[in-house]
Amino acid sequence: MLTDEGLDSFEKRRAYTVTVVGCGRKGLPTACLLAEAGFKVFCLDTDQYIIERLKRGFSPFDEPGLKELIRRNLKAKRLEATTRFEDAIPISDIVSIAVPVLLDYKMRPDYLQLETACRDIGLNMKAGTLIMVMSTLIPGTTETLIKETLETASGLEAGKDFGLAYSPVQVTAGRALNDITSNPRVLGAIDEVSLKAAKAVLGTFSKGGVIEVKDIKTAESLKLFEAVYRDVNTALANELSYLCEKMGIDFLEVMRIMNSQSHCHLTLPEFTAKGAPKDPYLLMDEADNLRVRLRVVTASRKVNEEALKRVLRLLREALRSCGKPAKRARVLILGVSHRPNLRDVEGSIVRDLVEMLQNKGIRVKVYDPLFSYSELIKMGYPAEKTLTRAAKDMDCLLITVGHDRFKHLNLRRLKIAMRKPAAIVDLGRVLDCEEVEKEGFIYRGLGRGI
């Protein structure tokens, strides 16, 4: 099995082959970092689009620095992309599983994709392979569904014929490479041999250190608990920011002062689409199975899912201040990304927002400088080619994400194009409310009771 000594140099690592199964935001950056460390790496995904993009030297999603890593390691022949398990798994010494657990329409976990991947790995793997799981999982999944599926398909026994370890990955879009290399990695394994081997692999690219835990279930729970902590914190920020709007208090100022104290860490209010993030739903489902009521977690999810109602309320207040009814109003939505300055729509509320506004009789247009007109149209958005054309005869600008380019909007030119009086609802917190009102707009923002 793998050891620190066997992987302590670039040249030694060239003798080992790794397959990363699942080339999303966790799997693909990990694959590139492993290749950069010297391993021969296969990127394996059943999505033909992802594989074709990789073969041409492109990332299937926007992530700073990733395209350069892909191209450098493709050129060095340390990185290959395939959809075929039989081409990669039989010659792999290490298989890293980054296949996500999906949610069905009832927000319950769907393991089919993960189980199918494990079966196909098992059918092709050789004895002595180290299996490293990165997917976010309900505690116990690695040692039940994954282990049993691999053993049944391969005829091999975990802990005897192959190694099995679990080390979850937490990444934020736009910071994935830094998160993977800099943050400490939690690691659990089925036995001591697997633990040491997995730790040696992680040490080749992760500089944040490895935190060993006593078993895999503990490692699985840590990732879910972290996600739930963030979700609860976001719900608190969403509720307090709404209260600030009604009390005439600037939530951002309160938050800034609170967070200057070491014991406080209040986050910004944030809206996400239903089902994003999915991690709290995994934990809530398991708690239901165990007949445990996670009341705070459930309430937080409910608060965070009421994003659209909150946006509609702000929009109506802004239009009312302009003396205009919401019905038949014209609204320009600025930004379809979920994260500022990234071409990343996963988790964005904009699609649901457009549908809701249209159902309320509001006419909507969409503009995002990070996407071309044709891309926005292909996504199904009512778009325009330029901001000036998009703003023509609009009653309200609704800024959904804090792109840097929105910080420098020409308010005077926009006011000329729009129907007056006009409003700006700033969910992205990019504009100075005094400057906006100075130009004659009605201003509304999250938590901005000013």
Protein backbone atom coordinates (compact mmCIF):
# COMPACT_ATOMS: atom_id res chain seq x y z
CA MET A 1 0.00 0.00 0.00
CA LEU A 2 1.07 3.62 -0.48
CA THR A 3 3.41 5.29 2.03
CA ASP A 4 4.84 8.76 2.66
CA GLU A 5 8.26 7.55 1.50
CA GLY A 6 6.79 6.18 -1.71
CA LEU A 7 5.15 9.50 -2.57
CA ASP A 8 7.70 11.98 -1.23
CA SER A 9 8.91 13.22 -4.61
CA PHE A 10 7.48 14.22 -7.97
CA GLU A 11 9.44 11.45 -9.69
CA LYS A 12 8.13 8.74 -7.35
CA ARG A 13 4.54 9.90 -7.81
CA ARG A 14 4.83 9.49 -11.58
CA ALA A 15 4.71 5.72 -11.03
CA TYR A 16 1.13 5.88 -9.70
CA THR A 17 -2.15 6.31 -11.56
CA VAL A 18 -5.18 8.03 -10.05
CA THR A 19 -8.73 8.16 -11.37
CA VAL A 20 -11.07 10.85 -10.08
CA VAL A 21 -14.69 9.82 -10.66
CA GLY A 22 -16.99 12.83 -10.89
CA CYS A 23 -15.52 15.99 -12.40
CA GLY A 24 -17.54 18.70 -10.69
CA ARG A 25 -16.35 21.53 -8.48
CA LYS A 26 -14.66 19.15 -6.04
CA GLY A 27 -13.45 16.38 -8.30
CA LEU A 28 -11.93 18.32 -11.19
CA PRO A 29 -9.77 20.72 -9.13
CA THR A 30 -8.60 17.73 -7.07
CA ALA A 31 -7.70 15.83 -10.24
CA CYS A 32 -5.69 18.78 -11.55
CA LEU A 33 -3.83 19.20 -8.27
CA LEU A 34 -2.96 15.50 -8.20
CA ALA A 35 -1.63 15.76 -11.76
CA GLU A 36 0.33 18.87 -10.79
CA ALA A 37 1.87 16.82 -7.96
CA GLY A 38 3.16 14.27 -10.49
CA PHE A 39 0.51 11.53 -10.60
CA LYS A 40 -0.88 10.19 -13.85
CA VAL A 41 -4.54 11.20 -13.54
CA PHE A 42 -7.73 10.20 -15.34
CA CYS A 43 -10.73 12.53 -15.08
CA LEU A 44 -13.71 10.20 -15.37
CA ASP A 45 -17.26 11.46 -15.79
CA THR A 46 -20.32 10.07 -17.57
CA ASP A 47 -21.22 13.56 -18.82
CA GLN A 48 -19.89 13.69 -22.39
CA TYR A 49 -19.98 17.51 -22.42
CA ILE A 50 -17.61 17.72 -19.44
CA ILE A 51 -15.17 15.26 -20.96
CA GLU A 52 -15.15 16.97 -24.37
CA ARG A 53 -14.49 20.33 -22.72
CA LEU A 54 -11.60 18.85 -20.75
CA LYS A 55 -10.06 17.21 -23.81
CA ARG A 56 -10.04 20.61 -25.53
CA GLY A 57 -8.37 22.23 -22.54
CA PHE A 58 -11.37 23.99 -21.05
CA SER A 59 -13.06 23.78 -17.66
CA PRO A 60 -16.80 22.99 -17.74
CA PHE A 61 -17.33 25.71 -15.11
CA ASP A 62 -15.74 29.03 -14.21
CA GLU A 63 -13.01 28.66 -11.60
CA PRO A 64 -9.95 30.95 -11.41
CA GLY A 65 -6.70 29.16 -12.26
CA LEU A 66 -8.32 25.86 -13.24
CA LYS A 67 -8.08 26.21 -17.03
CA GLU A 68 -4.34 26.84 -16.77
CA LEU A 69 -3.86 23.69 -14.67
CA ILE A 70 -5.91 21.63 -17.11
CA ARG A 71 -3.92 22.79 -20.12
CA ARG A 72 -0.53 22.45 -18.46
CA ASN A 73 -1.16 18.88 -17.34
CA LEU A 74 -2.83 17.84 -20.60
CA LYS A 75 0.27 19.07 -22.42
CA ALA A 76 2.52 17.18 -19.99
CA LYS A 77 0.37 14.06 -20.55
CA ARG A 78 -0.28 13.74 -16.83
CA LEU A 79 -4.02 14.37 -17.30
CA GLU A 80 -6.54 12.51 -19.46
CA ALA A 81 -10.33 12.62 -19.64
CA THR A 82 -12.69 9.73 -20.34
CA THR A 83 -16.25 8.51 -19.91
CA ARG A 84 -15.20 4.84 -19.87
CA PHE A 85 -14.59 3.12 -16.53
CA GLU A 86 -12.89 0.21 -18.28
CA ASP A 87 -10.21 2.54 -19.70
CA ALA A 88 -9.14 4.03 -16.38
CA ILE A 89 -10.11 1.98 -13.31
CA PRO A 90 -8.21 -1.29 -14.11
CA ILE A 91 -4.87 0.56 -14.28
CA SER A 92 -5.49 2.86 -11.31
CA ASP A 93 -3.73 2.52 -7.97
CA ILE A 94 -5.99 5.15 -6.40
CA VAL A 95 -9.64 5.90 -7.16
CA SER A 96 -11.14 9.09 -5.74
CA ILE A 97 -14.94 9.24 -5.72
CA ALA A 98 -16.45 12.72 -6.02
CA VAL A 99 -19.90 11.74 -7.29
CA PRO A 100 -22.61 13.77 -5.53
CA VAL A 101 -25.73 12.52 -3.82
CA LEU A 102 -28.63 14.22 -5.60
CA LEU A 103 -32.02 15.29 -4.26
CA ASP A 104 -35.33 14.14 -5.71
CA TYR A 105 -38.40 16.34 -6.15
CA LYS A 106 -39.32 15.76 -2.49
CA MET A 107 -35.89 16.99 -1.35
CA ARG A 108 -34.90 13.47 -0.31
CA PRO A 109 -31.49 11.94 -1.16
CA ASP A 110 -31.17 9.98 -4.39
CA TYR A 111 -28.19 7.60 -4.33
CA LEU A 112 -28.63 6.07 -7.79
CA GLN A 113 -25.82 8.01 -9.47
CA LEU A 114 -23.37 7.28 -6.64
CA GLU A 115 -24.34 3.61 -6.42
CA THR A 116 -23.99 3.16 -10.19
CA ALA A 117 -20.54 4.73 -10.14
CA CYS A 118 -19.43 2.45 -7.29
CA ARG A 119 -20.72 -0.60 -9.15
CA ASP A 120 -18.80 0.36 -12.29
CA ILE A 121 -15.67 1.01 -10.23
CA GLY A 122 -16.03 -2.38 -8.53
CA LEU A 123 -16.47 -4.22 -11.82
CA ASN A 124 -13.15 -2.84 -13.08
CA MET A 125 -10.90 -2.33 -10.05
CA LYS A 126 -7.86 -4.43 -9.21
CA ALA A 127 -6.74 -5.77 -5.85
CA GLY A 128 -4.63 -3.32 -3.88
CA THR A 129 -6.53 -0.23 -5.04
CA LEU A 130 -7.04 2.58 -2.55
CA ILE A 131 -10.58 4.01 -2.70
CA MET A 132 -10.83 7.59 -1.39
CA VAL A 133 -14.34 9.04 -1.07
CA MET A 134 -14.84 12.83 -1.21
CA SER A 135 -18.61 13.10 -1.67
CA THR A 136 -20.77 14.67 1.03
CA LEU A 137 -22.60 11.75 2.63
CA ILE A 138 -24.96 10.85 5.43
CA PRO A 139 -22.92 9.20 8.23
CA GLY A 140 -22.62 5.49 7.56
CA THR A 141 -22.97 5.66 3.77
CA THR A 142 -19.31 4.91 3.00
CA GLU A 143 -19.28 1.74 5.10
CA THR A 144 -22.67 0.53 3.89
CA LEU A 145 -23.72 1.53 0.38
CA ILE A 146 -20.27 2.33 -1.02
CA LYS A 147 -18.32 -0.49 0.64
CA GLU A 148 -20.97 -3.13 -0.03
CA THR A 149 -21.45 -2.08 -3.66
CA LEU A 150 -17.70 -2.16 -4.31
CA GLU A 151 -17.31 -5.56 -2.63
CA THR A 152 -20.26 -7.13 -4.45
CA ALA A 153 -19.16 -5.88 -7.87
CA SER A 154 -15.45 -6.67 -7.44
CA GLY A 155 -15.52 -9.84 -5.36
CA LEU A 156 -12.87 -8.19 -3.19
CA GLU A 157 -13.00 -7.37 0.52
CA ALA A 158 -12.46 -3.88 1.92
CA GLY A 159 -9.59 -3.71 4.40
CA LYS A 160 -8.12 -6.91 3.02
CA ASP A 161 -8.03 -6.63 -0.78
CA PHE A 162 -8.47 -2.87 -1.17
CA GLY A 163 -8.22 0.23 0.98
CA LEU A 164 -11.13 2.50 1.84
CA ALA A 165 -10.93 6.03 3.25
CA TYR A 166 -13.14 9.09 3.46
CA SER A 167 -12.03 12.73 3.30
CA PRO A 168 -14.70 15.32 2.47
CA VAL A 169 -13.96 18.48 0.50
CA GLN A 170 -15.45 21.88 1.23
CA VAL A 171 -15.04 24.37 -1.62
CA THR A 172 -16.49 27.75 -2.43
CA ALA A 173 -16.94 28.68 -6.07
CA GLY A 174 -14.12 31.02 -7.04
CA ARG A 175 -11.79 29.70 -4.32
CA ALA A 176 -11.75 25.96 -5.02
CA LEU A 177 -8.02 25.52 -5.64
CA ASN A 178 -7.08 27.55 -2.58
CA ASP A 179 -9.69 25.79 -0.41
CA ILE A 180 -8.45 22.33 -1.42
CA THR A 181 -4.77 23.11 -0.94
CA SER A 182 -4.97 25.34 2.16
CA ASN A 183 -7.78 24.04 4.37
CA PRO A 184 -7.15 21.16 6.82
CA ARG A 185 -8.46 17.82 5.57
CA VAL A 186 -10.49 15.56 7.83
CA LEU A 187 -9.69 11.90 7.24
CA GLY A 188 -11.27 8.66 8.40
CA ALA A 189 -10.58 5.14 7.15
CA ILE A 190 -11.68 1.55 7.49
CA ASP A 191 -8.30 0.48 8.91
CA GLU A 192 -4.86 1.82 9.79
CA VAL A 193 -3.32 0.82 6.46
CA SER A 194 -5.97 2.73 4.50
CA LEU A 195 -5.59 5.71 6.83
CA LYS A 196 -1.83 5.96 6.30
CA ALA A 197 -2.11 5.49 2.54
CA ALA A 198 -4.83 8.13 2.16
CA LYS A 199 -2.89 10.55 4.37
CA ALA A 200 0.16 10.11 2.16
CA VAL A 201 -1.89 10.91 -0.96
CA LEU A 202 -3.49 14.00 0.60
CA GLY A 203 -0.08 15.23 1.72
CA THR A 204 1.10 15.51 -1.88
CA PHE A 205 -1.16 18.48 -2.63
CA SER A 206 -2.89 19.59 0.59
CA LYS A 207 -0.76 21.96 2.67
CA GLY A 208 -3.35 22.60 5.39
CA GLY A 209 -2.58 19.39 7.24
CA VAL A 210 -4.65 16.28 7.87
CA ILE A 211 -6.93 15.80 10.88
CA GLU A 212 -7.31 12.08 11.58
CA VAL A 213 -10.58 10.99 13.20
CA LYS A 214 -11.39 7.66 14.81
CA ASP A 215 -13.78 6.40 12.15
CA ILE A 216 -15.39 7.21 8.82
CA LYS A 217 -18.78 8.11 10.31
CA THR A 218 -17.16 10.91 12.30
CA ALA A 219 -15.57 12.34 9.15
CA GLU A 220 -18.88 12.10 7.28
CA SER A 221 -20.75 13.94 10.04
CA LEU A 222 -18.24 16.79 10.23
CA LYS A 223 -18.90 17.91 6.66
CA LEU A 224 -22.68 17.87 7.13
CA PHE A 225 -22.52 19.67 10.46
CA GLU A 226 -20.36 22.42 8.92
CA ALA A 227 -22.93 22.92 6.17
CA VAL A 228 -25.80 23.08 8.65
CA TYR A 229 -23.88 25.59 10.79
CA ARG A 230 -23.54 27.89 7.78
CA ASP A 231 -27.20 27.46 6.87
CA VAL A 232 -28.37 28.34 10.40
CA ASN A 233 -26.06 31.35 10.50
CA THR A 234 -27.41 32.52 7.14
CA ALA A 235 -30.99 32.17 8.38
CA LEU A 236 -30.16 34.33 11.39
CA ALA A 237 -28.66 36.99 9.12
CA ASN A 238 -31.70 36.86 6.84
CA GLU A 239 -34.11 37.36 9.73
CA LEU A 240 -32.12 40.11 11.46
CA SER A 241 -31.58 41.98 8.19
CA TYR A 242 -35.34 41.93 7.55
CA LEU A 243 -35.94 43.30 11.04
CA CYS A 244 -33.41 46.07 10.34
CA GLU A 245 -35.35 47.09 7.23
CA LYS A 246 -38.46 47.61 9.35
CA MET A 247 -36.65 49.33 12.23
CA GLY A 248 -34.74 51.80 10.08
CA ILE A 249 -31.34 50.30 10.95
CA ASP A 250 -28.45 49.55 8.60
CA PHE A 251 -27.77 45.83 9.09
CA LEU A 252 -24.39 46.06 7.34
CA GLU A 253 -23.14 48.60 9.87
CA VAL A 254 -24.38 46.48 12.79
CA MET A 255 -22.76 43.37 11.30
CA ARG A 256 -19.44 45.13 10.72
CA ILE A 257 -19.24 46.32 14.33
CA MET A 258 -20.38 42.98 15.78
CA ASN A 259 -17.79 41.08 13.76
CA SER A 260 -15.01 43.31 15.08
CA GLN A 261 -15.42 41.30 18.30
CA SER A 262 -13.63 37.95 18.27
CA HIS A 263 -16.61 36.00 19.62
CA CYS A 264 -19.03 37.16 16.88
CA HIS A 265 -19.27 36.05 13.28
CA LEU A 266 -22.53 37.22 11.74
CA THR A 267 -22.72 36.49 8.03
CA LEU A 268 -24.27 38.48 5.22
CA PRO A 269 -27.88 37.70 4.29
CA GLU A 270 -27.97 35.34 1.34
CA PHE A 271 -30.58 33.89 -0.97
CA THR A 272 -30.25 30.57 -2.76
CA ALA A 273 -32.49 28.49 -4.97
CA LYS A 274 -34.58 25.73 -3.42
CA GLY A 275 -32.44 22.66 -2.84
CA ALA A 276 -29.20 24.66 -2.69
CA PRO A 277 -27.35 23.96 -0.51
CA LYS A 278 -28.43 20.33 -0.45
CA ASP A 279 -26.38 19.22 2.57
CA PRO A 280 -28.95 20.22 5.24
CA TYR A 281 -31.56 18.10 3.47
CA LEU A 282 -29.31 15.04 3.73
CA LEU A 283 -29.00 15.48 7.47
CA MET A 284 -32.70 16.27 7.91
CA ASP A 285 -33.64 13.10 6.02
CA GLU A 286 -31.40 10.92 8.19
CA ALA A 287 -32.76 12.58 11.34
CA ASP A 288 -36.30 11.80 10.16
CA ASN A 289 -35.31 8.16 9.66
CA LEU A 290 -34.04 8.11 13.25
CA ARG A 291 -37.15 9.95 14.50
CA VAL A 292 -35.12 12.94 15.65
CA ARG A 293 -36.56 16.42 15.12
CA LEU A 294 -33.94 18.93 14.01
CA ARG A 295 -36.11 21.93 14.77
CA VAL A 296 -33.49 24.66 14.39
CA VAL A 297 -32.13 23.16 11.16
CA THR A 298 -35.61 22.75 9.68
CA ALA A 299 -36.65 26.28 10.67
CA SER A 300 -33.46 27.70 9.16
CA ARG A 301 -34.10 25.94 5.87
CA LYS A 302 -37.62 27.37 5.82
CA VAL A 303 -36.32 30.90 6.43
CA ASN A 304 -33.71 30.60 3.69
CA GLU A 305 -36.21 29.16 1.23
CA GLU A 306 -38.45 32.21 1.61
CA ALA A 307 -36.02 34.21 -0.48
CA LEU A 308 -38.41 34.87 -3.33
CA LYS A 309 -41.11 36.22 -1.03
CA ARG A 310 -38.58 38.56 0.54
CA VAL A 311 -37.39 39.84 -2.84
CA LEU A 312 -40.97 40.36 -4.02
CA ARG A 313 -41.74 42.31 -0.84
CA LEU A 314 -38.76 44.62 -1.35
CA LEU A 315 -39.64 45.09 -5.01
CA ARG A 316 -43.25 45.98 -4.25
CA GLU A 317 -42.17 48.47 -1.59
CA ALA A 318 -39.79 50.14 -4.04
CA LEU A 319 -42.43 50.36 -6.78
CA ARG A 320 -45.02 51.63 -4.29
CA SER A 321 -42.63 54.42 -3.32
CA CYS A 322 -42.50 55.33 -7.02
CA GLY A 323 -46.29 55.45 -7.10
CA LYS A 324 -46.47 52.39 -9.35
CA PRO A 325 -48.34 49.09 -8.90
CA ALA A 326 -46.30 45.90 -9.18
CA LYS A 327 -48.64 44.43 -11.77
CA ARG A 328 -47.52 45.37 -15.29
CA ALA A 329 -44.37 46.98 -13.91
CA ARG A 330 -41.17 46.48 -15.88
CA VAL A 331 -38.17 45.11 -14.01
CA LEU A 332 -34.61 44.61 -15.21
CA ILE A 333 -32.74 41.90 -13.30
CA LEU A 334 -28.99 42.49 -13.23
CA GLY A 335 -27.00 39.29 -12.74
CA VAL A 336 -27.81 35.60 -13.13
CA SER A 337 -24.73 34.25 -11.31
CA HIS A 338 -24.90 32.96 -7.77
CA ARG A 339 -21.45 34.30 -6.86
CA PRO A 340 -19.99 37.75 -7.65
CA ASN A 341 -17.65 37.93 -10.65
CA LEU A 342 -18.12 34.26 -11.59
CA ARG A 343 -19.94 32.61 -14.46
CA ASP A 344 -21.61 30.33 -11.94
CA VAL A 345 -25.40 29.92 -12.01
CA GLU A 346 -25.62 26.90 -9.68
CA GLY A 347 -27.70 27.87 -6.65
CA SER A 348 -28.88 31.17 -8.15
CA ILE A 349 -32.45 32.26 -7.41
CA VAL A 350 -32.78 34.16 -10.69
CA ARG A 351 -34.57 31.49 -12.71
CA ASP A 352 -37.22 31.04 -10.01
CA LEU A 353 -37.35 34.81 -9.54
CA VAL A 354 -38.06 35.49 -13.21
CA GLU A 355 -40.83 32.88 -13.24
CA MET A 356 -42.41 34.27 -10.07
CA LEU A 357 -42.36 37.88 -11.30
CA GLN A 358 -43.83 36.92 -14.65
CA ASN A 359 -46.60 35.00 -12.89
CA LYS A 360 -47.38 38.20 -10.95
CA GLY A 361 -47.86 40.10 -14.20
CA ILE A 362 -44.48 41.84 -14.04
CA ARG A 363 -42.56 42.21 -17.30
CA VAL A 364 -38.95 41.11 -16.88
CA LYS A 365 -35.68 41.49 -18.74
CA VAL A 366 -32.30 40.08 -17.72
CA TYR A 367 -28.74 41.30 -18.21
CA ASP A 368 -25.42 39.93 -16.96
CA PRO A 369 -22.11 41.23 -18.37
CA LEU A 370 -20.41 37.89 -17.67
CA PHE A 371 -22.68 36.07 -20.14
CA SER A 372 -23.27 36.77 -23.81
CA TYR A 373 -26.71 37.60 -25.15
CA SER A 374 -26.91 34.20 -26.86
CA GLU A 375 -25.95 32.39 -23.64
CA LEU A 376 -28.69 34.16 -21.68
CA ILE A 377 -31.25 33.40 -24.39
CA LYS A 378 -30.13 29.75 -24.42
CA MET A 379 -30.74 29.65 -20.65
CA GLY A 380 -34.29 30.81 -21.33
CA TYR A 381 -33.94 34.37 -20.07
CA PRO A 382 -35.62 37.39 -21.74
CA ALA A 383 -32.33 39.18 -22.42
CA GLU A 384 -30.98 42.20 -24.30
CA LYS A 385 -27.58 42.67 -25.92
CA THR A 386 -26.61 45.83 -24.02
CA LEU A 387 -27.38 47.29 -20.62
CA THR A 388 -28.74 50.50 -22.13
CA ARG A 389 -31.20 48.60 -24.33
CA ALA A 390 -32.17 46.36 -21.43
CA ALA A 391 -32.87 49.37 -19.17
CA LYS A 392 -35.06 51.20 -21.70
CA ASP A 393 -38.51 51.93 -20.23
CA MET A 394 -37.86 49.84 -17.10
CA ASP A 395 -39.41 50.85 -13.77
CA CYS A 396 -36.91 49.11 -11.51
CA LEU A 397 -33.40 47.66 -11.53
CA LEU A 398 -33.09 44.54 -9.39
CA ILE A 399 -29.42 43.76 -8.70
CA THR A 400 -29.18 40.14 -7.60
CA VAL A 401 -25.41 39.64 -7.34
CA GLY A 402 -22.48 41.88 -6.47
CA HIS A 403 -20.42 41.82 -9.67
CA ASP A 404 -17.67 44.45 -9.53
CA ARG A 405 -18.92 45.88 -12.83
CA PHE A 406 -22.21 46.76 -11.16
CA LYS A 407 -20.36 48.97 -8.68
CA HIS A 408 -19.64 51.41 -11.50
CA LEU A 409 -23.04 51.67 -13.15
CA ASN A 410 -23.67 54.97 -14.94
CA LEU A 411 -26.74 55.90 -12.91
CA ARG A 412 -27.35 59.09 -14.85
CA ARG A 413 -27.50 57.24 -18.17
CA LEU A 414 -29.72 54.54 -16.68
CA LYS A 415 -32.12 57.15 -15.30
CA ILE A 416 -32.48 58.67 -18.77
CA ALA A 417 -33.35 55.26 -20.24
CA MET A 418 -35.82 54.23 -17.52
CA ARG A 419 -39.40 55.30 -16.82
CA LYS A 420 -39.42 57.88 -14.07
CA PRO A 421 -39.65 57.80 -11.14
CA ALA A 422 -37.49 54.66 -11.09
CA ALA A 423 -36.25 52.38 -8.32
CA ILE A 424 -33.19 50.26 -7.61
CA VAL A 425 -33.39 47.18 -5.38
CA ASP A 426 -29.83 46.25 -4.47
CA LEU A 427 -29.57 42.65 -3.26
CA GLY A 428 -25.88 42.56 -4.18
CA ARG A 429 -24.90 45.40 -1.83
CA VAL A 430 -22.87 47.12 -4.56
CA LEU A 431 -24.25 50.67 -4.63
CA ASP A 432 -24.04 53.61 -2.25
CA CYS A 433 -27.62 54.36 -1.29
CA GLU A 434 -26.91 58.08 -0.97
CA GLU A 435 -25.48 58.23 -4.49
CA VAL A 436 -28.47 56.31 -5.84
CA GLU A 437 -30.97 58.63 -4.18
CA LYS A 438 -28.94 61.68 -5.23
CA GLU A 439 -29.53 60.64 -8.85
CA GLY A 440 -33.27 60.57 -8.19
CA PHE A 441 -33.84 56.83 -7.73
CA ILE A 442 -35.81 55.15 -4.95
CA TYR A 443 -33.38 52.81 -3.16
CA ARG A 444 -34.09 49.55 -1.36
CA GLY A 445 -31.58 46.93 -0.18
CA LEU A 446 -31.32 43.87 2.04
CA GLY A 447 -31.19 45.02 5.64
CA ARG A 448 -30.81 48.63 4.57
CA GLY A 449 -33.35 50.32 6.80
CA ILE A 450 -31.92 53.72 5.94
